N, C-alpha and C. Protein backbone atom coordinates (compact mmCIF):
# COMPACT_ATOMS: atom_id res chain seq x y z
N MET A 1 -13.20 9.52 -4.41
CA MET A 1 -13.40 9.58 -3.04
C MET A 1 -12.22 10.01 -2.09
N ARG A 2 -13.07 10.51 -1.12
CA ARG A 2 -11.95 11.02 0.30
C ARG A 2 -11.69 9.11 1.00
N ILE A 3 -10.64 8.83 1.33
CA ILE A 3 -10.36 8.00 2.25
C ILE A 3 -9.17 8.03 3.29
N ASP A 4 -10.10 8.07 4.22
CA ASP A 4 -9.29 8.08 5.91
C ASP A 4 -8.81 6.71 6.49
N TYR A 5 -8.00 7.01 6.87
CA TYR A 5 -7.44 5.74 7.89
C TYR A 5 -8.14 5.82 9.74
N HIS A 6 -8.71 5.24 10.07
CA HIS A 6 -8.40 5.43 11.61
C HIS A 6 -7.13 4.90 12.52
N LYS A 7 -7.31 5.46 13.24
CA LYS A 7 -5.64 5.20 13.84
C LYS A 7 -5.32 3.54 14.22
N GLN A 8 -7.14 3.26 14.48
CA GLN A 8 -6.49 1.33 14.75
C GLN A 8 -6.09 0.63 14.03
N PHE A 9 -6.58 1.39 12.67
CA PHE A 9 -6.54 0.33 11.33
C PHE A 9 -4.80 0.54 10.71
N GLN A 10 -4.31 2.32 11.15
CA GLN A 10 -2.78 2.36 10.84
C GLN A 10 -1.66 1.17 11.82
N LYS A 11 -2.53 1.00 13.55
CA LYS A 11 -1.36 0.45 13.89
C LYS A 11 -1.49 -0.43 13.48
N GLN A 12 -2.60 -1.83 12.82
CA GLN A 12 -2.94 -3.32 12.72
C GLN A 12 -1.82 -3.24 10.93
N TYR A 13 -1.95 -2.38 10.39
CA TYR A 13 -1.42 -2.06 9.68
C TYR A 13 -0.07 -2.71 9.35
N LYS A 14 0.31 -1.65 10.07
CA LYS A 14 2.18 -1.79 10.20
C LYS A 14 2.55 -3.11 10.87
N LYS A 15 2.01 -3.97 11.29
CA LYS A 15 2.05 -5.30 11.95
C LYS A 15 1.86 -6.15 10.93
N LEU A 16 1.26 -6.08 9.73
CA LEU A 16 1.09 -6.96 8.63
C LEU A 16 2.13 -7.82 7.91
N PRO A 17 1.90 -8.78 7.79
CA PRO A 17 3.28 -8.97 6.86
C PRO A 17 3.11 -8.31 5.58
N SER A 18 3.99 -8.48 4.68
CA SER A 18 4.20 -7.83 3.48
C SER A 18 3.15 -7.80 2.46
N LYS A 19 3.09 -9.42 2.44
CA LYS A 19 2.54 -9.79 1.35
C LYS A 19 0.97 -9.16 1.52
N VAL A 20 0.59 -9.13 2.76
CA VAL A 20 -0.85 -9.07 2.96
C VAL A 20 -0.65 -6.98 2.55
N ARG A 21 -0.09 -6.70 2.97
CA ARG A 21 0.34 -5.08 2.89
C ARG A 21 -0.25 -5.09 0.80
N GLU A 22 1.24 -5.88 0.33
CA GLU A 22 0.91 -5.70 -0.85
C GLU A 22 -0.70 -5.82 -1.50
N LYS A 23 -1.41 -7.33 -1.65
CA LYS A 23 -2.40 -7.25 -1.33
C LYS A 23 -3.46 -6.44 -0.93
N PHE A 24 -3.38 -6.08 -0.15
CA PHE A 24 -4.38 -4.41 0.46
C PHE A 24 -4.51 -3.56 -0.44
N ALA A 25 -2.80 -3.00 -0.92
CA ALA A 25 -2.32 -1.87 -2.50
C ALA A 25 -2.87 -2.50 -2.88
N GLU A 26 -3.41 -3.34 -3.52
CA GLU A 26 -3.88 -3.89 -4.73
C GLU A 26 -5.31 -4.01 -4.64
N ARG A 27 -5.87 -4.63 -3.75
CA ARG A 27 -7.32 -4.22 -3.48
C ARG A 27 -8.04 -2.79 -2.93
N LEU A 28 -6.89 -1.75 -2.98
CA LEU A 28 -7.43 -0.25 -2.76
C LEU A 28 -7.83 0.06 -3.91
N VAL A 29 -7.26 -0.19 -4.60
CA VAL A 29 -7.08 0.09 -6.39
C VAL A 29 -8.49 0.00 -6.88
N LEU A 30 -8.66 -1.21 -6.86
CA LEU A 30 -10.10 -2.08 -7.06
C LEU A 30 -11.11 -1.26 -6.58
N PHE A 31 -11.21 -1.60 -5.39
CA PHE A 31 -12.16 -0.57 -4.52
C PHE A 31 -12.49 0.77 -4.57
N VAL A 32 -11.54 1.57 -5.18
CA VAL A 32 -11.29 3.16 -5.69
C VAL A 32 -12.07 3.00 -6.93
N ASP A 33 -11.76 2.50 -7.69
CA ASP A 33 -12.71 1.69 -8.99
C ASP A 33 -13.68 1.66 -8.95
N ASN A 34 -13.79 0.48 -8.49
CA ASN A 34 -15.87 0.37 -8.11
C ASN A 34 -15.82 -0.50 -6.71
N PRO A 35 -16.39 0.07 -5.73
CA PRO A 35 -16.00 -0.31 -4.36
C PRO A 35 -16.88 -1.60 -4.21
N PHE A 36 -17.71 -2.15 -5.40
CA PHE A 36 -18.65 -3.32 -5.10
C PHE A 36 -18.23 -4.20 -6.39
N ALA A 37 -17.19 -4.27 -7.02
CA ALA A 37 -16.36 -5.32 -7.74
C ALA A 37 -16.67 -6.75 -7.06
N PRO A 38 -16.73 -7.76 -7.66
CA PRO A 38 -16.99 -8.96 -6.90
C PRO A 38 -15.95 -9.68 -6.27
N GLU A 39 -14.64 -9.50 -6.40
CA GLU A 39 -13.51 -9.90 -5.62
C GLU A 39 -13.41 -9.09 -4.50
N LEU A 40 -14.29 -8.32 -4.22
CA LEU A 40 -13.91 -7.83 -2.72
C LEU A 40 -15.24 -8.24 -1.84
N SER A 41 -15.96 -8.36 -2.25
CA SER A 41 -17.25 -8.87 -1.49
C SER A 41 -17.63 -8.51 -0.96
N ASN A 42 -18.03 -7.29 -1.39
CA ASN A 42 -18.10 -5.90 -0.82
C ASN A 42 -19.57 -5.74 0.60
N HIS A 43 -20.26 -6.31 1.56
CA HIS A 43 -21.08 -6.37 2.24
C HIS A 43 -21.16 -5.65 3.20
N ALA A 44 -22.41 -5.16 4.06
CA ALA A 44 -22.67 -4.82 5.43
C ALA A 44 -22.99 -5.54 6.54
N LEU A 45 -22.29 -5.32 7.61
CA LEU A 45 -22.35 -5.93 8.40
C LEU A 45 -23.38 -5.65 9.56
N HIS A 46 -23.73 -6.66 10.55
CA HIS A 46 -24.92 -6.62 11.67
C HIS A 46 -24.23 -6.94 12.95
N GLY A 47 -24.83 -6.75 13.94
CA GLY A 47 -24.29 -7.17 15.23
C GLY A 47 -23.66 -5.59 15.89
N LYS A 48 -22.56 -6.30 16.45
CA LYS A 48 -21.24 -5.57 17.17
C LYS A 48 -21.03 -4.82 15.89
N TYR A 49 -20.35 -4.86 14.88
CA TYR A 49 -19.96 -4.21 13.51
C TYR A 49 -20.94 -3.57 12.52
N ALA A 50 -22.41 -3.39 13.39
CA ALA A 50 -23.47 -2.97 12.31
C ALA A 50 -23.34 -1.59 11.47
N LYS A 51 -22.40 -0.52 12.07
CA LYS A 51 -21.63 0.67 11.68
C LYS A 51 -21.00 0.30 10.00
N TYR A 52 -20.51 -1.24 10.33
CA TYR A 52 -19.45 -0.94 9.22
C TYR A 52 -19.71 -2.27 7.82
N ARG A 53 -18.79 -1.84 6.78
CA ARG A 53 -18.80 -2.48 5.63
C ARG A 53 -18.13 -3.90 5.32
N SER A 54 -17.57 -4.85 5.16
CA SER A 54 -16.31 -5.39 5.06
C SER A 54 -16.06 -5.68 3.61
N ILE A 55 -14.63 -5.42 3.24
CA ILE A 55 -14.03 -6.41 1.89
C ILE A 55 -13.29 -6.92 2.26
N ASN A 56 -12.97 -7.95 1.18
CA ASN A 56 -12.05 -9.13 1.18
C ASN A 56 -10.94 -8.65 1.05
N ILE A 57 -9.58 -9.05 1.66
CA ILE A 57 -8.15 -8.67 1.07
C ILE A 57 -7.86 -9.76 0.83
N THR A 58 -7.80 -10.88 1.43
CA THR A 58 -7.20 -12.34 1.03
C THR A 58 -8.30 -13.33 1.23
N GLY A 59 -7.97 -14.58 1.42
CA GLY A 59 -9.16 -15.54 1.52
C GLY A 59 -9.48 -15.37 3.12
N ASP A 60 -8.12 -15.28 4.24
CA ASP A 60 -8.77 -14.86 5.18
C ASP A 60 -8.80 -13.44 6.31
N TRP A 61 -8.32 -12.25 5.12
CA TRP A 61 -7.57 -11.39 5.49
C TRP A 61 -9.21 -10.30 5.57
N ARG A 62 -9.58 -9.36 6.06
CA ARG A 62 -11.11 -8.50 5.87
C ARG A 62 -10.49 -7.48 6.37
N VAL A 63 -11.14 -6.01 5.60
CA VAL A 63 -11.07 -4.75 6.45
C VAL A 63 -12.61 -4.33 6.29
N PHE A 64 -12.60 -3.48 7.39
CA PHE A 64 -13.89 -3.32 7.92
C PHE A 64 -13.70 -1.65 7.85
N TYR A 65 -14.85 -1.11 7.10
CA TYR A 65 -14.92 0.42 6.69
C TYR A 65 -15.79 0.88 6.98
N GLU A 66 -16.21 2.59 7.26
CA GLU A 66 -17.09 3.22 7.62
C GLU A 66 -17.65 3.84 6.23
N VAL A 67 -18.84 4.88 5.89
CA VAL A 67 -18.88 5.34 4.71
C VAL A 67 -19.14 6.86 5.96
N THR A 68 -18.29 7.70 5.30
CA THR A 68 -18.02 8.92 5.97
C THR A 68 -19.44 9.92 4.54
N GLY A 69 -19.49 10.99 4.91
CA GLY A 69 -19.83 12.58 4.41
C GLY A 69 -19.25 12.76 2.85
N GLU A 70 -17.87 12.35 3.42
CA GLU A 70 -16.85 12.69 2.02
C GLU A 70 -16.42 11.83 1.81
N GLY A 71 -16.46 10.44 2.59
CA GLY A 71 -16.07 8.99 1.34
C GLY A 71 -16.34 7.89 2.01
N VAL A 72 -14.83 7.52 2.86
CA VAL A 72 -14.84 6.36 3.70
C VAL A 72 -13.35 6.28 4.73
N GLN A 73 -14.07 5.89 5.51
CA GLN A 73 -12.59 5.19 6.75
C GLN A 73 -12.52 4.23 6.66
N PHE A 74 -11.42 3.50 6.70
CA PHE A 74 -10.85 2.53 6.89
C PHE A 74 -10.63 2.10 8.45
N SER A 75 -10.88 1.33 9.37
CA SER A 75 -11.25 1.36 10.51
C SER A 75 -10.18 -0.24 11.36
N ILE A 76 -10.92 -1.31 10.49
CA ILE A 76 -9.96 -2.70 10.90
C ILE A 76 -9.60 -3.16 10.00
N ILE A 77 -8.43 -3.99 10.22
CA ILE A 77 -7.77 -4.80 9.34
C ILE A 77 -6.77 -6.42 10.14
N ASP A 78 -8.01 -7.45 9.76
CA ASP A 78 -7.57 -8.19 10.83
C ASP A 78 -7.89 -9.61 9.98
N THR A 79 -7.45 -11.21 10.55
CA THR A 79 -7.81 -12.47 9.98
C THR A 79 -9.22 -12.71 10.54
N HIS A 80 -9.92 -13.55 9.35
CA HIS A 80 -11.18 -13.38 9.54
C HIS A 80 -11.82 -14.28 10.86
N SER A 81 -10.79 -15.20 11.57
CA SER A 81 -11.08 -15.84 12.71
C SER A 81 -11.17 -14.57 14.07
N ASN A 82 -10.22 -13.55 13.64
CA ASN A 82 -9.69 -13.00 14.79
C ASN A 82 -11.21 -12.17 14.57
N LEU A 83 -11.77 -11.41 13.87
CA LEU A 83 -12.33 -10.79 13.85
C LEU A 83 -14.79 -10.85 14.46
N TYR A 84 -14.52 -12.69 13.75
CA TYR A 84 -15.66 -13.13 13.93
C TYR A 84 -15.56 -13.97 14.33
N GLY A 85 -14.44 -14.87 15.62
CA GLY A 85 -14.19 -15.67 16.67
C GLY A 85 -14.70 -15.64 17.52
């Protein structure tokens, strides 16, 4: 599976606390092995985020991604309250 990172994601990622970056790395390994592993709570989004799917990184952190022809592109990483608030 090919994984790309949107510029917005890269900017957000650089600002993350190190513990969240470590947890993302763990979840990325899980995602590559099985994108629908229960721990990820992978689901389609609706409304203004309808083109994205979401996975859980921690209890509060989420990653939004798009399915592309070659794989996926991670687009947004932020807290649940920032994304849905």
